[in-house]
Every structure is written in structure tokens, then in C-alpha cells.
N, C-alpha and C. Protein backbone atom coordinates (compact mmCIF):
# COMPACT_ATOMS: atom_id res chain seq x y z
N UNK A 1 38.10 71.13 44.01
CA UNK A 1 38.09 72.58 43.02
C UNK A 1 39.50 72.81 43.89
N UNK A 2 40.46 73.72 43.34
CA UNK A 2 40.66 74.70 44.12
C UNK A 2 40.69 75.75 44.03
N UNK A 3 40.56 76.60 44.79
CA UNK A 3 40.07 78.07 44.63
C UNK A 3 40.79 78.24 45.29
N UNK A 4 40.23 79.90 45.09
CA UNK A 4 40.93 81.19 44.84
C UNK A 4 39.94 82.32 45.66
N UNK A 5 40.25 82.71 47.67
CA UNK A 5 39.49 83.46 47.71
C UNK A 5 39.59 85.07 47.66
N UNK A 6 37.95 85.31 46.71
CA UNK A 6 38.56 87.17 46.74
C UNK A 6 37.71 87.19 47.36
N UNK A 7 37.64 88.88 47.64
CA UNK A 7 36.44 89.51 47.74
C UNK A 7 35.93 91.13 47.21
N UNK A 8 34.59 90.45 48.27
CA UNK A 8 34.61 91.14 46.43
C UNK A 8 34.48 90.78 44.99
N UNK A 9 33.04 91.56 43.93
CA UNK A 9 32.49 90.36 42.47
C UNK A 9 31.84 90.05 42.71
N UNK A 10 31.42 89.09 43.32
CA UNK A 10 30.48 87.86 42.73
C UNK A 10 29.22 87.74 43.67
N UNK A 11 29.46 88.36 45.24
CA UNK A 11 28.72 88.15 45.98
C UNK A 11 27.61 89.36 46.39
N UNK A 12 26.46 90.11 45.86
CA UNK A 12 25.57 91.71 45.79
C UNK A 12 25.14 91.13 47.14
N UNK A 13 24.10 90.74 46.98
CA UNK A 13 23.61 90.84 49.27
C UNK A 13 23.44 89.27 49.88
N UNK A 14 23.70 89.14 50.61
CA UNK A 14 22.96 87.92 51.55
C UNK A 14 22.09 88.82 52.59
N UNK A 15 21.27 87.45 52.86
CA UNK A 15 20.83 88.05 54.37
C UNK A 15 20.24 86.47 54.86
N UNK A 16 19.84 86.79 56.36
CA UNK A 16 18.99 85.50 57.11
C UNK A 16 18.24 86.23 58.07
N UNK A 17 17.36 85.15 58.58
CA UNK A 17 16.09 85.74 60.30
C UNK A 17 16.24 84.20 60.18
N UNK A 18 15.46 84.41 61.92
CA UNK A 18 15.19 84.31 62.85
C UNK A 18 13.86 84.66 63.16
N UNK A 19 13.14 83.41 63.24
CA UNK A 19 11.96 84.46 64.42
C UNK A 19 10.61 83.02 64.97
N UNK A 20 10.64 82.91 66.13
CA UNK A 20 10.38 81.72 66.68
C UNK A 20 9.37 82.76 68.17
N UNK A 21 8.28 82.02 67.18
CA UNK A 21 7.14 81.10 67.71
C UNK A 21 7.11 81.63 69.16
N UNK A 22 5.28 81.87 69.56
CA UNK A 22 5.28 81.93 70.84
C UNK A 22 5.28 80.04 70.45
N UNK A 23 4.78 79.09 70.73
CA UNK A 23 4.59 77.76 70.83
C UNK A 23 6.65 77.66 70.38
N UNK A 24 7.33 78.43 70.25
CA UNK A 24 8.75 77.57 69.89
C UNK A 24 9.39 76.94 68.71
N UNK A 25 8.27 77.47 68.30
CA UNK A 25 9.12 76.86 66.43
C UNK A 25 10.07 78.74 66.12
N UNK A 26 10.87 77.64 65.15
CA UNK A 26 11.84 78.91 65.04
C UNK A 26 12.18 78.19 62.78
N UNK A 27 12.23 79.87 62.52
CA UNK A 27 11.54 79.77 61.01
C UNK A 27 12.60 80.48 60.88
N UNK A 28 13.08 79.74 59.68
CA UNK A 28 14.78 80.02 59.72
C UNK A 28 14.29 80.51 58.61
N UNK A 29 15.57 81.25 57.49
CA UNK A 29 15.66 81.91 56.38
C UNK A 29 17.03 82.33 55.96
N UNK A 30 17.18 82.30 54.87
CA UNK A 30 18.95 82.84 53.86
C UNK A 30 18.31 82.92 53.18
N UNK A 31 18.89 83.81 52.39
CA UNK A 31 19.47 84.27 51.06
C UNK A 31 20.48 85.32 50.88
N UNK A 32 20.70 84.55 48.80
CA UNK A 32 21.64 85.03 48.73
C UNK A 32 21.53 86.00 47.36
N UNK A 33 22.15 86.66 46.62
CA UNK A 33 22.14 87.21 45.44
C UNK A 33 22.96 87.85 44.56
N UNK A 34 23.87 86.80 43.68
CA UNK A 34 24.89 87.18 42.68
C UNK A 34 24.89 88.81 41.38
N UNK A 35 25.90 88.53 40.71
CA UNK A 35 25.80 89.53 40.65
C UNK A 35 25.85 88.54 39.50
N UNK A 36 26.57 87.63 39.30
CA UNK A 36 25.72 87.13 37.87
C UNK A 36 26.34 85.40 38.50
N UNK A 37 25.70 84.69 37.12
CA UNK A 37 25.49 83.24 37.13
C UNK A 37 26.98 82.17 38.43
N UNK A 38 26.64 82.02 38.68
CA UNK A 38 27.93 81.06 39.75
C UNK A 38 28.17 79.46 39.14
N UNK A 39 29.16 79.01 39.72
CA UNK A 39 28.92 77.76 39.15
C UNK A 39 28.35 76.98 40.07
N UNK A 40 28.72 77.29 41.51
CA UNK A 40 27.43 77.08 42.21
C UNK A 40 28.35 77.72 43.61
N UNK A 41 26.86 78.10 44.21
CA UNK A 41 26.62 79.39 46.10
C UNK A 41 26.01 77.70 46.60
N UNK A 42 26.57 77.90 48.05
CA UNK A 42 26.33 77.39 49.08
C UNK A 42 26.10 78.09 50.54
N UNK A 43 25.38 77.59 50.98
CA UNK A 43 24.45 78.27 52.23
C UNK A 43 24.59 77.13 53.39
N UNK A 44 25.54 77.31 54.83
CA UNK A 44 25.25 76.67 55.42
C UNK A 44 24.61 77.34 56.98
N UNK A 45 23.69 76.39 57.06
CA UNK A 45 22.45 77.88 58.81
C UNK A 45 23.19 76.62 59.74
N UNK A 46 23.21 77.64 60.48
CA UNK A 46 23.33 76.58 62.51
C UNK A 46 22.26 77.67 63.33
N UNK A 47 21.76 76.86 64.27
CA UNK A 47 20.48 77.71 64.71
C UNK A 47 21.63 77.16 65.81
N UNK A 48 21.61 78.35 67.26
CA UNK A 48 21.87 78.00 67.81
C UNK A 48 22.26 78.83 69.44
N UNK A 49 22.29 78.11 70.27
CA UNK A 49 21.83 78.13 71.52
C UNK A 49 22.36 78.94 72.50
N UNK A 50 22.54 80.28 73.11
CA UNK A 50 24.10 80.44 74.24
C UNK A 50 23.92 79.14 75.13
N UNK A 51 24.37 78.75 75.71
CA UNK A 51 24.25 77.82 76.90
C UNK A 51 26.17 77.83 77.56
N UNK A 52 26.00 77.97 78.74
CA UNK A 52 27.00 78.91 79.59
C UNK A 52 28.16 79.92 78.91
N UNK A 53 27.51 80.77 78.38
CA UNK A 53 28.69 81.62 77.93
C UNK A 53 28.93 81.90 76.15
N UNK A 54 28.37 80.26 75.32
CA UNK A 54 29.25 79.12 74.82
C UNK A 54 27.74 79.14 73.56
N UNK A 55 28.11 79.76 72.49
CA UNK A 55 27.36 79.13 70.78
C UNK A 55 27.58 77.77 70.65
N UNK A 56 26.50 76.88 71.17
CA UNK A 56 25.60 75.32 70.95
C UNK A 56 25.29 75.64 69.75
N UNK A 57 25.38 74.80 68.21
CA UNK A 57 24.50 74.66 67.39
C UNK A 57 23.88 73.33 67.25
N UNK A 58 22.97 73.41 67.60
CA UNK A 58 21.44 72.85 68.08
C UNK A 58 20.70 71.80 66.44
N UNK A 59 21.14 72.87 65.18
CA UNK A 59 20.64 72.17 64.59
C UNK A 59 21.38 73.22 63.25
N UNK A 60 21.30 71.89 61.69
CA UNK A 60 22.31 72.61 61.25
C UNK A 60 21.93 71.28 59.45
N UNK A 61 21.71 72.23 58.79
CA UNK A 61 21.35 72.28 57.45
C UNK A 61 22.87 72.97 56.77
N UNK A 62 22.66 72.58 54.91
CA UNK A 62 23.32 73.02 53.72
C UNK A 62 22.48 72.44 52.69
N UNK A 63 22.69 74.31 51.36
CA UNK A 63 22.00 73.56 50.90
C UNK A 63 23.53 74.43 49.02
N UNK A 64 22.80 73.36 48.31
CA UNK A 64 23.74 73.68 46.88
C UNK A 64 22.96 74.59 46.12
N UNK A 65 22.84 75.29 45.57
CA UNK A 65 22.42 75.50 43.98
C UNK A 65 23.42 76.54 43.34
N UNK A 66 23.30 76.22 41.51
CA UNK A 66 23.89 76.54 40.57
C UNK A 66 23.15 78.42 40.38
N UNK A 67 23.40 79.45 39.59
CA UNK A 67 22.76 80.01 38.92
C UNK A 67 22.97 81.54 40.27
N UNK A 68 22.45 83.05 39.69
CA UNK A 68 21.90 83.79 40.53
C UNK A 68 21.72 83.84 41.80
N UNK A 69 20.95 83.13 42.18
CA UNK A 69 20.36 83.45 43.47
C UNK A 69 20.10 81.84 44.41
N UNK A 70 20.06 82.26 45.57
CA UNK A 70 19.51 81.30 46.41
C UNK A 70 18.80 81.37 48.34
N UNK A 71 17.91 80.90 47.19
CA UNK A 71 17.50 81.09 49.62
C UNK A 71 16.85 79.22 49.61
N UNK A 72 16.69 79.25 50.83
CA UNK A 72 17.10 78.47 51.94
C UNK A 72 15.71 79.07 52.77
N UNK A 73 14.99 77.73 53.79
CA UNK A 73 14.74 78.55 54.41
C UNK A 73 14.02 76.49 55.40
N UNK A 74 13.67 77.06 56.94
CA UNK A 74 13.74 75.99 57.40
C UNK A 74 12.98 75.94 59.53
N UNK A 75 12.49 75.03 59.90
CA UNK A 75 12.06 75.35 61.20
C UNK A 75 12.57 74.26 61.83
N UNK A 76 12.28 74.38 62.77
CA UNK A 76 13.02 73.17 64.16
C UNK A 76 11.90 74.04 65.39
N UNK A 77 11.62 72.95 65.95
CA UNK A 77 11.63 73.83 67.77
C UNK A 77 12.69 73.89 68.52
N UNK A 78 11.90 74.77 69.48
CA UNK A 78 13.62 74.61 70.41
C UNK A 78 13.08 75.12 71.85
N UNK A 79 14.21 75.10 72.96
CA UNK A 79 13.48 74.98 74.26
C UNK A 79 13.23 76.27 74.34
N UNK A 80 12.18 76.42 75.52
CA UNK A 80 11.73 77.77 76.65
C UNK A 80 13.33 77.76 77.07
N UNK A 81 13.13 79.63 77.82
CA UNK A 81 14.52 78.89 78.58
C UNK A 81 15.75 80.17 77.57
N UNK A 82 16.32 80.30 76.84
CA UNK A 82 17.78 80.87 76.09
C UNK A 82 16.86 81.49 74.88
N UNK A 83 17.85 81.55 74.94
CA UNK A 83 18.80 82.73 73.78
C UNK A 83 18.68 81.89 73.10
N UNK A 84 18.76 81.95 71.29
CA UNK A 84 19.21 81.77 69.82
C UNK A 84 19.27 82.49 69.03
N UNK A 85 20.10 82.45 67.98
CA UNK A 85 21.08 83.58 66.98
C UNK A 85 20.43 82.05 65.50
N UNK A 86 20.67 82.85 64.50
CA UNK A 86 20.71 81.57 63.04
C UNK A 86 22.02 82.52 62.77
N UNK A 87 23.18 81.23 62.05
CA UNK A 87 24.86 82.01 61.86
C UNK A 87 24.44 81.62 60.82
N UNK A 88 25.52 82.10 59.68
CA UNK A 88 25.02 81.73 58.42
C UNK A 88 25.72 81.97 57.32
N UNK A 89 26.33 80.27 56.15
CA UNK A 89 28.24 81.22 55.69
C UNK A 89 27.77 80.94 54.67
N UNK A 90 27.87 81.79 52.62
CA UNK A 90 28.03 81.70 51.53
C UNK A 90 29.20 81.92 51.45
N UNK A 91 28.31 81.14 50.11
CA UNK A 91 29.66 80.05 49.87
C UNK A 91 29.84 80.91 48.07
N UNK A 92 30.46 81.26 47.44
CA UNK A 92 29.63 81.87 45.44
C UNK A 92 30.96 81.04 45.27
N UNK A 93 30.89 80.50 43.85
CA UNK A 93 31.94 79.63 43.14
C UNK A 93 31.95 80.11 41.84
N UNK A 94 32.94 80.31 41.28
CA UNK A 94 33.57 81.00 40.17
C UNK A 94 34.41 81.20 39.36
N UNK A 95 34.67 79.55 38.81
CA UNK A 95 35.36 79.11 37.36
C UNK A 95 36.60 78.80 38.42
N UNK A 96 37.63 79.81 39.34
CA UNK A 96 38.69 79.37 40.86
C UNK A 96 38.83 80.00 41.53
N UNK A 97 37.40 81.21 41.58
CA UNK A 97 37.40 82.22 42.28
C UNK A 97 36.73 81.83 43.56
N UNK A 98 36.10 81.90 44.22
CA UNK A 98 35.08 81.71 45.84
C UNK A 98 35.01 83.07 46.09
N UNK A 99 33.98 83.48 47.04
CA UNK A 99 33.82 84.65 47.64
C UNK A 99 32.58 84.02 49.09
N UNK A 100 32.76 84.46 50.21
CA UNK A 100 32.69 83.90 51.55
C UNK A 100 31.76 85.57 51.82
N UNK A 101 31.21 84.95 53.18
CA UNK A 101 30.33 85.68 53.94
C UNK A 101 30.15 85.06 54.53
N UNK A 102 29.79 86.15 56.18
CA UNK A 102 28.89 85.20 57.52
C UNK A 102 28.56 85.80 58.32
N UNK A 103 26.81 85.83 58.23
CA UNK A 103 26.16 86.55 59.12
C UNK A 103 25.60 85.73 60.64
N UNK A 104 24.75 86.69 60.43
CA UNK A 104 24.30 85.95 62.13
C UNK A 104 23.87 87.05 62.34
N UNK A 105 21.77 86.19 62.80
CA UNK A 105 20.74 86.83 62.87
C UNK A 105 21.12 88.28 64.20
N UNK A 106 20.09 88.57 64.74
CA UNK A 106 19.49 89.11 65.58
C UNK A 106 19.05 88.07 66.71
N UNK A 107 20.02 88.31 67.80
CA UNK A 107 18.95 87.76 68.92
C UNK A 107 18.17 86.86 69.51
N UNK A 108 16.93 85.88 69.83
CA UNK A 108 15.58 85.97 69.45
C UNK A 108 16.09 84.91 71.29
N UNK A 109 15.71 85.50 71.82
CA UNK A 109 14.91 84.87 73.33
C UNK A 109 13.18 84.11 73.60
N UNK A 110 13.45 83.33 73.63
CA UNK A 110 12.48 82.11 74.04
C UNK A 110 12.16 81.18 75.17
């Protein structure tokens, strides 16, 4: 699929969240709302841990949708004693146009 990048016009809003329970279960969610039906919406999530001043991806997943809305969630147990974040990349495709946004959640220490 050949696509032209466009800023604005397809994506209405995006959000992501990361919460780690006292047991170490990282609960992650991401959502996208488009202005109109898209040919495809792709949501790519990376759970990352801060290690030696670099962000290391420890768990990834990707989902594809069509329509105006996308919501995905997952959970994963993490190790104690680290800082974590959720990095989410959103892509919305409509005809020959693609718009993308990236979000990074608030940092969580566990």
C-alpha cells in the first residue's frame, strides 16, 4: 500500500495508559478515535523498562481495526525495582493517506 503522510484530518484523539498493581501486573490500554471510517487503524504497543539509561522493550503487541474506533488492552507481569512506560504508535489509513501519532504514558515505578 502506497501512502502519503498527512498531519491532521484523520485522527480525532488518542490515549494510552499504564497501571502496575502491587502484585506487579502491568495493565495497559490504548484507544484511538477517528473523524470518519478508516480503511485500517493499526495500534502498536511497547511496554518498556528503563535499563542503564535506555528504554528496553520487554513486551510488544499490535492490533488492526477498521472503522472509526480502536481499543486494545493487555497485561503482563513485570519485575520489581524498575521504571516502566507504555509507548504506543497509532496509524490511521484512509485511501492513499496515512496519519500517525505516538504517545508515551506516565512513568510507573514498581
